[in-house]
Structures are given as structure tokens and as C-alpha cells.
């Protein structure tokens, strides 16, 4: 592990990274399932979700096909929610029966979604998700979505699925490729990253779950290091942990930059987990890693 720009980051970490399993196409969307003491993650080009448990040297197949899933999370009932690039939907399934996935959102005003990417659950049960175009068939091999898939919507937005199933666009304009997102611990703020523009925006969340005027929170434009804002999580003290330029960077709720660390593989996404949610799990291209920290993350579905 290489730490740079250290203004407090090293005090949050304990030891080096360890590789847990490898041999995948491109890993993404990790989520820790506390009831199963397991990490579930996506292999996008493999069109498969995998599950890894502590002590195992390999990960087992959890769901295949996965709809070329990317971001995953759990709701308050510990059901698995997935953003499916190739399925062009947000799905939900009982954790013990992942093949029984049903659709929560597939289209906006009759037009198919682009390729849902990442999602978070509000304490009300509302689900927020981003919808860039990374699942489009651009000729890349292997594909990150279905053969021939092309976007139909004229914009790349951020949406909310209410508990009654209704779908609302909460941010229609202002994003080139919206990607990761995370609530502050008290849910008064929603952070949303734009991977193409290399920035993270900070939105106030109103009582009716609409979003207020955004302010720039992280700006990685012009940073020469490898990577763009992608997956992100918030710890219980409000620090934002995000993959991006130079590896994983950490920022306080006030916007203070604490530094960045890079591993032997560049991470695309991350999630807190383990028995006390102080372990940081990272999906990094072909492999999945673990780093111990001195902070605690927020268990999905616990608010």
C-alpha cells in the first residue's frame, strides 16, 4: 500500500491490504451481508455475482446470470438490491434466493433505463440510484451489458424509487456519467460522483426526499493520477471514502482532504464490513482485497 498526501489518513488505517480472492473479469459493487457474515460482489463482464466468506481462499458463485450487475446493497429486510447494467433495471431478491430477483425499476416514462450503476437506501425505504451508460455495447470485449445494448434516454440521471414503487427523477441534468453515491450518517446530505467529469457533488436532502442546490465537494479534474470517482461509502463520523484519482481518498464531512492510498491493483469500489464494520473491502479489477481500519462504517439497511 502506498499512502500519499497524508494529512490524517494513515491514522485511520491498520496494516497493509490483503488479497482475498482473484481471477475475475472486473469486480464491482461489494456489500457485506452481516446476517451471513459474507461479502457479495459483482463480476460485471462475467455476468455473475460471487460470495466470499472469511477463511475462504476462493469465492463461490452467488447468482448467475446477474444481468451484468454492478452496484449492490441491502434493504432493511436484508433483501439484496442490484443495479443491473445488462438487465437495465434495479432488482430485488431474497438474500437466500438470489435467482428470485424481481424488477423495481426498468423504465422512465416508458423509455428503458440506460444501465443502472449504483444505489443506496434511505431510512424511509426509498432507493436512490444512478443511471449512466456504461452498459452500452461499444464493441468492448468482454461486454459490460447485453449484446447490442444502446441507451434510449436523452439524459443520464439520478432516480428515486419510493416504497410504493413509483419512480422519480431527482437529478435530470448536470451529469455526464453519474456513478457512486452515499448518504451522510444523518441522511441530510447525498454525495453523487460523476466519473466522466471527475467530480463529486454534495446535495442537501429535503424532508420530501427531493434534493437541493448542489455544491462541489471533491474535484479531481486535472489530477494526473490514475482513476476517477467511482464507488464511495461514508463512515459513522461522516468521512467520505471514495475510489478515484490515485486510489482511495478520504475526506471529512467539512471537505478536508486526508490523503489517498493505492494498492497493488486500482480499486473501483469499496464497502465496510466485518463483525464491527471496521474492515474495508475493495473490488479491484481482477481481485478483491481487505484493509483493516480504525473507523466504523454504516451497516446497509440499519438506518
C-alpha atoms as a PDB file:
ATOM      1  CA  UNK A   1       0.000   0.000   0.000  1.00  0.00           C
ATOM      2  CA  UNK A   2       1.245   3.470  -0.900  1.00  0.00           C
ATOM      3  CA  UNK A   3      -0.124   6.474   1.008  1.00  0.00           C
ATOM      4  CA  UNK A   4       0.235   9.965  -0.439  1.00  0.00           C
ATOM      5  CA  UNK A   5      -0.809  13.452   0.709  1.00  0.00           C
ATOM      6  CA  UNK A   6      -1.140  12.092   4.230  1.00  0.00           C
ATOM      7  CA  UNK A   7      -2.846  14.636   6.495  1.00  0.00           C
ATOM      8  CA  UNK A   8      -4.569  12.108   8.730  1.00  0.00           C
ATOM      9  CA  UNK A   9      -5.287   9.114   6.513  1.00  0.00           C
ATOM     10  CA  UNK A  10      -2.576   6.852   7.940  1.00  0.00           C
ATOM     11  CA  UNK A  11      -4.109   7.163  11.411  1.00  0.00           C
ATOM     12  CA  UNK A  12      -7.322   5.651  10.042  1.00  0.00           C
ATOM     13  CA  UNK A  13      -5.676   2.516   8.616  1.00  0.00           C
ATOM     14  CA  UNK A  14      -4.235  -0.591  10.270  1.00  0.00           C
ATOM     15  CA  UNK A  15      -1.656  -2.526   8.267  1.00  0.00           C
ATOM     16  CA  UNK A  16      -1.390  -3.438   4.613  1.00  0.00           C
ATOM     17  CA  UNK A  17      -4.009  -4.735   2.201  1.00  0.00           C
ATOM     18  CA  UNK A  18      -4.533  -8.483   1.797  1.00  0.00           C
ATOM     19  CA  UNK A  19      -5.881 -10.142  -1.329  1.00  0.00           C
ATOM     20  CA  UNK A  20      -8.867 -12.386  -0.595  1.00  0.00           C
ATOM     21  CA  UNK A  21      -9.710 -13.922  -3.978  1.00  0.00           C
ATOM     22  CA  UNK A  22      -8.805 -13.368  -7.619  1.00  0.00           C
ATOM     23  CA  UNK A  23      -9.340 -14.487 -11.210  1.00  0.00           C
ATOM     24  CA  UNK A  24     -12.304 -12.302 -12.161  1.00  0.00           C
ATOM     25  CA  UNK A  25     -13.018 -10.113 -15.178  1.00  0.00           C
ATOM     26  CA  UNK A  26     -13.787  -6.828 -13.414  1.00  0.00           C
ATOM     27  CA  UNK A  27     -15.072  -6.804  -9.831  1.00  0.00           C
ATOM     28  CA  UNK A  28     -17.511  -4.190  -8.573  1.00  0.00           C
ATOM     29  CA  UNK A  29     -20.355  -3.424  -6.178  1.00  0.00           C
ATOM     30  CA  UNK A  30     -19.214  -5.061  -2.904  1.00  0.00           C
ATOM     31  CA  UNK A  31     -21.630  -5.313   0.004  1.00  0.00           C
ATOM     32  CA  UNK A  32     -21.210  -7.024   3.378  1.00  0.00           C
ATOM     33  CA  UNK A  33     -24.148  -9.172   4.490  1.00  0.00           C
ATOM     34  CA  UNK A  34     -23.978  -9.210   8.310  1.00  0.00           C
ATOM     35  CA  UNK A  35     -26.581 -11.969   8.735  1.00  0.00           C
ATOM     36  CA  UNK A  36     -24.469 -14.283   6.576  1.00  0.00           C
ATOM     37  CA  UNK A  37     -21.029 -12.909   7.570  1.00  0.00           C
ATOM     38  CA  UNK A  38     -20.199 -12.778   3.869  1.00  0.00           C
ATOM     39  CA  UNK A  39     -19.165 -10.357   1.138  1.00  0.00           C
ATOM     40  CA  UNK A  40     -21.220 -10.349  -2.065  1.00  0.00           C
ATOM     41  CA  UNK A  41     -19.795  -8.648  -5.153  1.00  0.00           C
ATOM     42  CA  UNK A  42     -20.279  -8.408  -8.910  1.00  0.00           C
ATOM     43  CA  UNK A  43     -18.060  -9.542 -11.747  1.00  0.00           C
ATOM     44  CA  UNK A  44     -19.563  -7.370 -14.468  1.00  0.00           C
ATOM     45  CA  UNK A  45     -18.152  -8.990 -17.647  1.00  0.00           C
ATOM     46  CA  UNK A  46     -18.563 -12.415 -16.060  1.00  0.00           C
ATOM     47  CA  UNK A  47     -22.312 -11.690 -15.699  1.00  0.00           C
ATOM     48  CA  UNK A  48     -22.110 -13.183 -12.220  1.00  0.00           C
ATOM     49  CA  UNK A  49     -22.357 -12.315  -8.520  1.00  0.00           C
ATOM     50  CA  UNK A  50     -19.966 -14.042  -6.138  1.00  0.00           C
ATOM     51  CA  UNK A  51     -19.953 -14.574  -2.377  1.00  0.00           C
ATOM     52  CA  UNK A  52     -16.827 -14.750  -0.223  1.00  0.00           C
ATOM     53  CA  UNK A  53     -16.668 -15.751   3.437  1.00  0.00           C
ATOM     54  CA  UNK A  54     -13.779 -15.162   5.879  1.00  0.00           C
ATOM     55  CA  UNK A  55     -11.326 -18.033   5.803  1.00  0.00           C
ATOM     56  CA  UNK A  56     -12.090 -18.983   2.197  1.00  0.00           C
ATOM     57  CA  UNK A  57      -9.376 -18.771  -0.470  1.00  0.00           C
ATOM     58  CA  UNK A  58     -11.937 -18.517  -3.268  1.00  0.00           C
ATOM     59  CA  UNK A  59     -15.369 -17.034  -3.807  1.00  0.00           C
ATOM     60  CA  UNK A  60     -18.419 -19.102  -4.695  1.00  0.00           C
ATOM     61  CA  UNK A  61     -21.000 -18.263  -7.353  1.00  0.00           C
ATOM     62  CA  UNK A  62     -23.947 -16.483  -5.715  1.00  0.00           C
ATOM     63  CA  UNK A  63     -26.114 -15.619  -8.727  1.00  0.00           C
ATOM     64  CA  UNK A  64     -25.631 -16.249 -12.442  1.00  0.00           C
ATOM     65  CA  UNK A  65     -26.587 -14.739 -14.754  1.00  0.00           C
ATOM     66  CA  UNK A  66     -26.646 -11.479 -12.826  1.00  0.00           C
ATOM     67  CA  UNK A  67     -27.839  -9.118 -15.554  1.00  0.00           C
ATOM     68  CA  UNK A  68     -24.243  -7.823 -15.683  1.00  0.00           C
ATOM     69  CA  UNK A  69     -24.814  -6.397 -12.208  1.00  0.00           C
ATOM     70  CA  UNK A  70     -22.704  -3.590 -10.785  1.00  0.00           C
ATOM     71  CA  UNK A  71     -23.722  -1.863  -7.525  1.00  0.00           C
ATOM     72  CA  UNK A  72     -25.301  -3.937  -4.755  1.00  0.00           C
ATOM     73  CA  UNK A  73     -26.803  -3.140  -1.369  1.00  0.00           C
ATOM     74  CA  UNK A  74     -29.238  -4.484   1.232  1.00  0.00           C
ATOM     75  CA  UNK A  75     -32.520  -3.003   2.399  1.00  0.00           C
ATOM     76  CA  UNK A  76     -33.899  -3.032   5.959  1.00  0.00           C
ATOM     77  CA  UNK A  77     -35.267  -6.542   5.404  1.00  0.00           C
ATOM     78  CA  UNK A  78     -31.789  -7.644   4.254  1.00  0.00           C
ATOM     79  CA  UNK A  79     -33.002  -8.287   0.725  1.00  0.00           C
ATOM     80  CA  UNK A  80     -30.361  -7.865  -1.970  1.00  0.00           C
ATOM     81  CA  UNK A  81     -30.817  -4.883  -4.286  1.00  0.00           C
ATOM     82  CA  UNK A  82     -28.842  -4.789  -7.520  1.00  0.00           C
ATOM     83  CA  UNK A  83     -28.160  -2.354 -10.332  1.00  0.00           C
ATOM     84  CA  UNK A  84     -28.087  -4.459 -13.497  1.00  0.00           C
ATOM     85  CA  UNK A  85     -26.241  -2.995 -16.470  1.00  0.00           C
ATOM     86  CA  UNK A  86     -27.488  -5.574 -18.954  1.00  0.00           C
ATOM     87  CA  UNK A  87     -30.844  -6.067 -17.309  1.00  0.00           C
ATOM     88  CA  UNK A  88     -31.301  -2.285 -17.487  1.00  0.00           C
ATOM     89  CA  UNK A  89     -33.084  -2.444 -14.167  1.00  0.00           C
ATOM     90  CA  UNK A  90     -32.905  -2.201 -10.403  1.00  0.00           C
ATOM     91  CA  UNK A  91     -33.816  -5.584  -8.967  1.00  0.00           C
ATOM     92  CA  UNK A  92     -34.578  -7.037  -5.542  1.00  0.00           C
ATOM     93  CA  UNK A  93     -34.287 -10.612  -4.309  1.00  0.00           C
ATOM     94  CA  UNK A  94     -34.486 -12.518  -1.027  1.00  0.00           C
ATOM     95  CA  UNK A  95     -30.900 -12.857   0.168  1.00  0.00           C
ATOM     96  CA  UNK A  96     -31.228 -16.649   0.439  1.00  0.00           C
ATOM     97  CA  UNK A  97     -32.807 -16.923  -3.023  1.00  0.00           C
ATOM     98  CA  UNK A  98     -30.919 -14.549  -5.348  1.00  0.00           C
ATOM     99  CA  UNK A  99     -32.345 -16.142  -8.501  1.00  0.00           C
ATOM    100  CA  UNK A 100     -35.820 -14.942  -7.465  1.00  0.00           C
ATOM    101  CA  UNK A 101     -34.981 -11.345  -8.378  1.00  0.00           C
ATOM    102  CA  UNK A 102     -37.853  -9.080  -9.385  1.00  0.00           C
ATOM    103  CA  UNK A 103     -37.751  -5.676 -11.050  1.00  0.00           C
ATOM    104  CA  UNK A 104     -38.189  -2.456  -9.068  1.00  0.00           C
ATOM    105  CA  UNK A 105     -37.410  -0.072 -11.954  1.00  0.00           C
ATOM    106  CA  UNK A 106     -36.905  -0.764 -15.662  1.00  0.00           C
ATOM    107  CA  UNK A 107     -38.030   2.381 -17.496  1.00  0.00           C
ATOM    108  CA  UNK A 108     -38.663   6.092 -17.014  1.00  0.00           C
ATOM    109  CA  UNK A 109     -41.870   7.384 -18.597  1.00  0.00           C
ATOM    110  CA  UNK A 110     -41.952   4.349 -20.863  1.00  0.00           C
ATOM    111  CA  UNK A 111     -38.330   4.551 -22.019  1.00  0.00           C
ATOM    112  CA  UNK A 112     -35.856   1.859 -20.882  1.00  0.00           C
ATOM    113  CA  UNK A 113     -33.241   2.930 -18.361  1.00  0.00           C
ATOM    114  CA  UNK A 114     -29.663   3.289 -19.607  1.00  0.00           C
ATOM    115  CA  UNK A 115     -27.744   0.919 -17.307  1.00  0.00           C
ATOM    116  CA  UNK A 116     -28.286   1.411 -13.556  1.00  0.00           C
ATOM    117  CA  UNK A 117     -24.934   1.609 -11.797  1.00  0.00           C
ATOM    118  CA  UNK A 118     -25.033   2.197  -8.024  1.00  0.00           C
ATOM    119  CA  UNK A 119     -27.680   2.585  -5.342  1.00  0.00           C
ATOM    120  CA  UNK A 120     -28.338   3.478  -1.697  1.00  0.00           C
ATOM    121  CA  UNK A 121     -31.373   3.001   0.554  1.00  0.00           C
ATOM    122  CA  UNK A 122     -32.846   5.804   2.661  1.00  0.00           C
ATOM    123  CA  UNK A 123     -34.283   5.024   6.107  1.00  0.00           C
ATOM    124  CA  UNK A 124     -37.783   5.587   4.671  1.00  0.00           C
ATOM    125  CA  UNK A 125     -37.204   2.664   2.324  1.00  0.00           C
ATOM    126  CA  UNK A 126     -36.737   4.893  -0.731  1.00  0.00           C
ATOM    127  CA  UNK A 127     -33.970   3.766  -3.088  1.00  0.00           C
ATOM    128  CA  UNK A 128     -31.734   6.251  -4.905  1.00  0.00           C
ATOM    129  CA  UNK A 129     -29.761   5.077  -7.946  1.00  0.00           C
ATOM    130  CA  UNK A 130     -27.610   6.429 -10.756  1.00  0.00           C
ATOM    131  CA  UNK A 131     -28.151   5.634 -14.443  1.00  0.00           C
ATOM    132  CA  UNK A 132     -25.104   6.255 -16.663  1.00  0.00           C
ATOM    133  CA  UNK A 133     -24.445   4.426 -19.951  1.00  0.00           C
ATOM    134  CA  UNK A 134     -21.575   2.101 -19.004  1.00  0.00           C
ATOM    135  CA  UNK A 135     -23.586  -0.979 -20.007  1.00  0.00           C
ATOM    136  CA  UNK A 136     -23.854   0.133 -23.641  1.00  0.00           C
ATOM    137  CA  UNK A 137     -22.394  -2.179 -26.284  1.00  0.00           C
ATOM    138  CA  UNK A 138     -19.454  -0.138 -27.589  1.00  0.00           C
ATOM    139  CA  UNK A 139     -17.591  -3.062 -29.136  1.00  0.00           C
ATOM    140  CA  UNK A 140     -15.564  -3.613 -25.986  1.00  0.00           C
ATOM    141  CA  UNK A 141     -14.741  -7.241 -25.266  1.00  0.00           C
ATOM    142  CA  UNK A 142     -15.914  -8.545 -22.918  1.00  0.00           C
ATOM    143  CA  UNK A 143     -19.100  -6.519 -22.779  1.00  0.00           C
ATOM    144  CA  UNK A 144     -20.407  -4.810 -19.624  1.00  0.00           C
ATOM    145  CA  UNK A 145     -24.000  -5.254 -20.774  1.00  0.00           C
ATOM    146  CA  UNK A 146     -26.198  -7.093 -23.241  1.00  0.00           C
ATOM    147  CA  UNK A 147     -25.227  -7.538 -26.876  1.00  0.00           C
ATOM    148  CA  UNK A 148     -26.402  -4.588 -28.968  1.00  0.00           C
ATOM    149  CA  UNK A 149     -27.499  -2.602 -25.905  1.00  0.00           C
ATOM    150  CA  UNK A 150     -27.725   1.136 -26.548  1.00  0.00           C
ATOM    151  CA  UNK A 151     -29.098   3.966 -24.383  1.00  0.00           C
ATOM    152  CA  UNK A 152     -32.575   5.251 -25.200  1.00  0.00           C
ATOM    153  CA  UNK A 153     -32.927   8.117 -22.733  1.00  0.00           C
ATOM    154  CA  UNK A 154     -31.664  11.562 -23.738  1.00  0.00           C
ATOM    155  CA  UNK A 155     -30.088  12.147 -20.310  1.00  0.00           C
ATOM    156  CA  UNK A 156     -28.092  10.346 -17.624  1.00  0.00           C
ATOM    157  CA  UNK A 157     -29.899  10.926 -14.390  1.00  0.00           C
ATOM    158  CA  UNK A 158     -30.291  10.047 -10.744  1.00  0.00           C
ATOM    159  CA  UNK A 159     -33.568   8.485  -9.608  1.00  0.00           C
ATOM    160  CA  UNK A 160     -35.586   7.625  -6.522  1.00  0.00           C
ATOM    161  CA  UNK A 161     -37.846   4.597  -6.130  1.00  0.00           C
ATOM    162  CA  UNK A 162     -40.391   5.262  -3.390  1.00  0.00           C
ATOM    163  CA  UNK A 163     -41.722   2.470  -1.141  1.00  0.00           C
ATOM    164  CA  UNK A 164     -44.963   2.474  -3.157  1.00  0.00           C
ATOM    165  CA  UNK A 165     -42.936   1.565  -6.260  1.00  0.00           C
ATOM    166  CA  UNK A 166     -43.202   4.931  -8.013  1.00  0.00           C
ATOM    167  CA  UNK A 167     -40.117   6.163  -9.868  1.00  0.00           C
ATOM    168  CA  UNK A 168     -38.969   9.800  -9.778  1.00  0.00           C
ATOM    169  CA  UNK A 169     -36.017  11.520 -11.402  1.00  0.00           C
ATOM    170  CA  UNK A 170     -34.299  13.601  -8.711  1.00  0.00           C
ATOM    171  CA  UNK A 171     -31.435  14.914 -10.859  1.00  0.00           C
ATOM    172  CA  UNK A 172     -32.071  15.098 -14.596  1.00  0.00           C
ATOM    173  CA  UNK A 173     -29.321  17.433 -15.753  1.00  0.00           C
ATOM    174  CA  UNK A 174     -25.741  18.251 -14.854  1.00  0.00           C
ATOM    175  CA  UNK A 175     -24.120  14.818 -15.098  1.00  0.00           C
ATOM    176  CA  UNK A 176     -22.007  13.293 -17.837  1.00  0.00           C
ATOM    177  CA  UNK A 177     -21.802   9.851 -16.168  1.00  0.00           C
ATOM    178  CA  UNK A 178     -23.323   9.710 -12.651  1.00  0.00           C
ATOM    179  CA  UNK A 179     -21.813   6.828 -10.705  1.00  0.00           C
ATOM    180  CA  UNK A 180     -21.280   6.285  -6.963  1.00  0.00           C
ATOM    181  CA  UNK A 181     -23.490   7.790  -4.289  1.00  0.00           C
ATOM    182  CA  UNK A 182     -23.699   7.790  -0.493  1.00  0.00           C
ATOM    183  CA  UNK A 183     -25.755   9.393   2.275  1.00  0.00           C
ATOM    184  CA  UNK A 184     -24.205  11.236   5.193  1.00  0.00           C
ATOM    185  CA  UNK A 185     -24.808   9.450   8.532  1.00  0.00           C
ATOM    186  CA  UNK A 186     -27.873  11.595   9.321  1.00  0.00           C
ATOM    187  CA  UNK A 187     -29.116  11.419   5.689  1.00  0.00           C
ATOM    188  CA  UNK A 188     -29.162  15.204   5.390  1.00  0.00           C
ATOM    189  CA  UNK A 189     -26.677  15.048   2.514  1.00  0.00           C
ATOM    190  CA  UNK A 190     -26.391  12.869  -0.591  1.00  0.00           C
ATOM    191  CA  UNK A 191     -22.998  12.651  -2.291  1.00  0.00           C
ATOM    192  CA  UNK A 192     -23.072  11.821  -6.013  1.00  0.00           C
ATOM    193  CA  UNK A 193     -19.980  11.277  -8.135  1.00  0.00           C
ATOM    194  CA  UNK A 194     -19.531  11.904 -11.858  1.00  0.00           C
ATOM    195  CA  UNK A 195     -16.858   9.601 -13.234  1.00  0.00           C
ATOM    196  CA  UNK A 196     -16.523  11.305 -16.595  1.00  0.00           C
ATOM    197  CA  UNK A 197     -16.282  14.809 -15.152  1.00  0.00           C
ATOM    198  CA  UNK A 198     -14.095  13.542 -12.237  1.00  0.00           C
ATOM    199  CA  UNK A 199     -16.028  15.359  -9.506  1.00  0.00           C
ATOM    200  CA  UNK A 200     -18.246  14.560  -6.505  1.00  0.00           C
ATOM    201  CA  UNK A 201     -21.231  16.787  -5.733  1.00  0.00           C
ATOM    202  CA  UNK A 202     -22.866  17.379  -2.350  1.00  0.00           C
ATOM    203  CA  UNK A 203     -26.678  17.697  -2.345  1.00  0.00           C
ATOM    204  CA  UNK A 204     -28.844  18.687   0.648  1.00  0.00           C
ATOM    205  CA  UNK A 205     -31.714  16.212   1.135  1.00  0.00           C
ATOM    206  CA  UNK A 206     -35.093  17.767   1.908  1.00  0.00           C
ATOM    207  CA  UNK A 207     -37.783  16.196   4.101  1.00  0.00           C
ATOM    208  CA  UNK A 208     -39.757  15.157   0.996  1.00  0.00           C
ATOM    209  CA  UNK A 209     -36.587  13.448  -0.363  1.00  0.00           C
ATOM    210  CA  UNK A 210     -36.080  15.977  -3.118  1.00  0.00           C
ATOM    211  CA  UNK A 211     -32.572  17.387  -3.460  1.00  0.00           C
ATOM    212  CA  UNK A 212     -31.478  20.977  -3.006  1.00  0.00           C
ATOM    213  CA  UNK A 213     -28.843  23.026  -4.791  1.00  0.00           C
ATOM    214  CA  UNK A 214     -25.589  21.149  -5.124  1.00  0.00           C
ATOM    215  CA  UNK A 215     -22.104  22.251  -4.156  1.00  0.00           C
ATOM    216  CA  UNK A 216     -18.797  20.856  -5.354  1.00  0.00           C
ATOM    217  CA  UNK A 217     -17.288  18.544  -2.719  1.00  0.00           C
ATOM    218  CA  UNK A 218     -14.394  16.698  -4.425  1.00  0.00           C
ATOM    219  CA  UNK A 219     -12.677  17.957  -7.577  1.00  0.00           C
ATOM    220  CA  UNK A 220     -10.238  15.578  -9.288  1.00  0.00           C
ATOM    221  CA  UNK A 221     -10.168  17.390 -12.614  1.00  0.00           C
ATOM    222  CA  UNK A 222      -6.582  17.917 -13.622  1.00  0.00           C
ATOM    223  CA  UNK A 223      -5.238  15.392 -11.106  1.00  0.00           C
ATOM    224  CA  UNK A 224      -2.688  13.338 -13.082  1.00  0.00           C
ATOM    225  CA  UNK A 225      -3.077  10.154 -11.011  1.00  0.00           C
ATOM    226  CA  UNK A 226      -4.905   7.164 -12.400  1.00  0.00           C
ATOM    227  CA  UNK A 227      -8.610   6.767 -11.652  1.00  0.00           C
ATOM    228  CA  UNK A 228     -11.895   8.668 -11.466  1.00  0.00           C
ATOM    229  CA  UNK A 229     -14.536   8.980  -8.726  1.00  0.00           C
ATOM    230  CA  UNK A 230     -16.458   5.715  -8.623  1.00  0.00           C
ATOM    231  CA  UNK A 231     -17.609   3.769  -5.564  1.00  0.00           C
ATOM    232  CA  UNK A 232     -17.992   5.564  -2.235  1.00  0.00           C
ATOM    233  CA  UNK A 233     -19.056   4.935   1.348  1.00  0.00           C
ATOM    234  CA  UNK A 234     -19.389   7.096   4.478  1.00  0.00           C
ATOM    235  CA  UNK A 235     -18.197   6.072   7.947  1.00  0.00           C
ATOM    236  CA  UNK A 236     -20.092   6.795  11.181  1.00  0.00           C
ATOM    237  CA  UNK A 237     -18.104  10.010  11.711  1.00  0.00           C
ATOM    238  CA  UNK A 238     -19.153  11.347   8.320  1.00  0.00           C
ATOM    239  CA  UNK A 239     -15.911  10.860   6.413  1.00  0.00           C
ATOM    240  CA  UNK A 240     -16.374  10.057   2.720  1.00  0.00           C
ATOM    241  CA  UNK A 241     -14.228   7.185   1.394  1.00  0.00           C
ATOM    242  CA  UNK A 242     -14.122   7.115  -2.389  1.00  0.00           C
ATOM    243  CA  UNK A 243     -12.185   5.375  -5.116  1.00  0.00           C
ATOM    244  CA  UNK A 244     -10.741   7.749  -7.665  1.00  0.00           C
ATOM    245  CA  UNK A 245      -7.552   9.513  -8.703  1.00  0.00           C
ATOM    246  CA  UNK A 246      -4.577   7.798  -7.087  1.00  0.00           C
ATOM    247  CA  UNK A 247      -6.591   5.083  -5.306  1.00  0.00           C
ATOM    248  CA  UNK A 248      -8.899   5.501  -2.305  1.00  0.00           C
ATOM    249  CA  UNK A 249      -9.147   9.025  -0.909  1.00  0.00           C
ATOM    250  CA  UNK A 250     -10.802  10.142   2.323  1.00  0.00           C
ATOM    251  CA  UNK A 251     -12.496  13.471   3.008  1.00  0.00           C
ATOM    252  CA  UNK A 252     -14.081  14.768   6.213  1.00  0.00           C
ATOM    253  CA  UNK A 253     -17.678  15.989   6.214  1.00  0.00           C
ATOM    254  CA  UNK A 254     -16.272  19.529   6.212  1.00  0.00           C
ATOM    255  CA  UNK A 255     -14.401  18.769   2.985  1.00  0.00           C
ATOM    256  CA  UNK A 256     -10.898  18.361   4.416  1.00  0.00           C
ATOM    257  CA  UNK A 257      -8.812  16.018   2.272  1.00  0.00           C
ATOM    258  CA  UNK A 258      -6.983  13.460   4.452  1.00  0.00           C
ATOM    259  CA  UNK A 259      -4.949  11.683   1.772  1.00  0.00           C
ATOM    260  CA  UNK A 260      -5.102   8.803  -0.690  1.00  0.00           C
ATOM    261  CA  UNK A 261      -3.827   5.221  -0.727  1.00  0.00           C
ATOM    262  CA  UNK A 262      -3.172   2.923  -3.670  1.00  0.00           C
ATOM    263  CA  UNK A 263      -2.905  -0.860  -3.621  1.00  0.00           C
ATOM    264  CA  UNK A 264      -1.241  -3.300  -5.990  1.00  0.00           C
ATOM    265  CA  UNK A 265      -4.440  -3.134  -8.075  1.00  0.00           C
ATOM    266  CA  UNK A 266      -6.512   0.016  -8.517  1.00  0.00           C
ATOM    267  CA  UNK A 267      -9.847  -0.277  -6.713  1.00  0.00           C
ATOM    268  CA  UNK A 268     -13.119   0.618  -8.420  1.00  0.00           C
ATOM    269  CA  UNK A 269     -15.416   0.227  -5.410  1.00  0.00           C
ATOM    270  CA  UNK A 270     -15.438  -0.411  -1.681  1.00  0.00           C
ATOM    271  CA  UNK A 271     -17.627  -1.298   1.300  1.00  0.00           C
ATOM    272  CA  UNK A 272     -17.248  -1.531   5.050  1.00  0.00           C
ATOM    273  CA  UNK A 273     -17.947  -4.892   6.662  1.00  0.00           C
ATOM    274  CA  UNK A 274     -16.816  -7.488   9.148  1.00  0.00           C
ATOM    275  CA  UNK A 275     -18.299  -8.081  12.579  1.00  0.00           C
ATOM    276  CA  UNK A 276     -17.845  -4.456  13.689  1.00  0.00           C
ATOM    277  CA  UNK A 277     -17.873  -2.868  10.199  1.00  0.00           C
ATOM    278  CA  UNK A 278     -14.292  -1.661  10.572  1.00  0.00           C
ATOM    279  CA  UNK A 279     -12.927  -3.750   7.676  1.00  0.00           C
ATOM    280  CA  UNK A 280     -12.771  -2.045   4.296  1.00  0.00           C
ATOM    281  CA  UNK A 281     -13.390  -4.431   1.382  1.00  0.00           C
ATOM    282  CA  UNK A 282     -12.255  -3.310  -2.062  1.00  0.00           C
ATOM    283  CA  UNK A 283     -13.099  -4.637  -5.505  1.00  0.00           C
ATOM    284  CA  UNK A 284     -10.107  -4.014  -7.751  1.00  0.00           C
ATOM    285  CA  UNK A 285     -10.201  -5.250 -11.330  1.00  0.00           C
ATOM    286  CA  UNK A 286      -9.430  -8.983 -11.164  1.00  0.00           C
ATOM    287  CA  UNK A 287      -9.303  -9.329  -7.369  1.00  0.00           C
ATOM    288  CA  UNK A 288     -10.950  -8.474  -4.063  1.00  0.00           C
ATOM    289  CA  UNK A 289      -8.939  -7.028  -1.157  1.00  0.00           C
ATOM    290  CA  UNK A 290      -9.313  -6.206   2.511  1.00  0.00           C
ATOM    291  CA  UNK A 291      -7.832  -3.378   4.601  1.00  0.00           C
ATOM    292  CA  UNK A 292      -8.372  -3.044   8.359  1.00  0.00           C
ATOM    293  CA  UNK A 293      -9.273   0.425   9.620  1.00  0.00           C
ATOM    294  CA  UNK A 294      -9.713   2.346  12.866  1.00  0.00           C
ATOM    295  CA  UNK A 295     -13.166   3.595  11.835  1.00  0.00           C
ATOM    296  CA  UNK A 296     -16.600   2.028  11.550  1.00  0.00           C
ATOM    297  CA  UNK A 297     -18.817   2.011   8.513  1.00  0.00           C
ATOM    298  CA  UNK A 298     -22.602   2.053   8.455  1.00  0.00           C
ATOM    299  CA  UNK A 299     -24.327  -1.297   8.018  1.00  0.00           C
ATOM    300  CA  UNK A 300     -26.632  -1.332   4.989  1.00  0.00           C
ATOM    301  CA  UNK A 301     -30.283  -1.328   5.938  1.00  0.00           C
ATOM    302  CA  UNK A 302     -29.531  -0.375   9.553  1.00  0.00           C
ATOM    303  CA  UNK A 303     -30.965   3.164   9.488  1.00  0.00           C
END
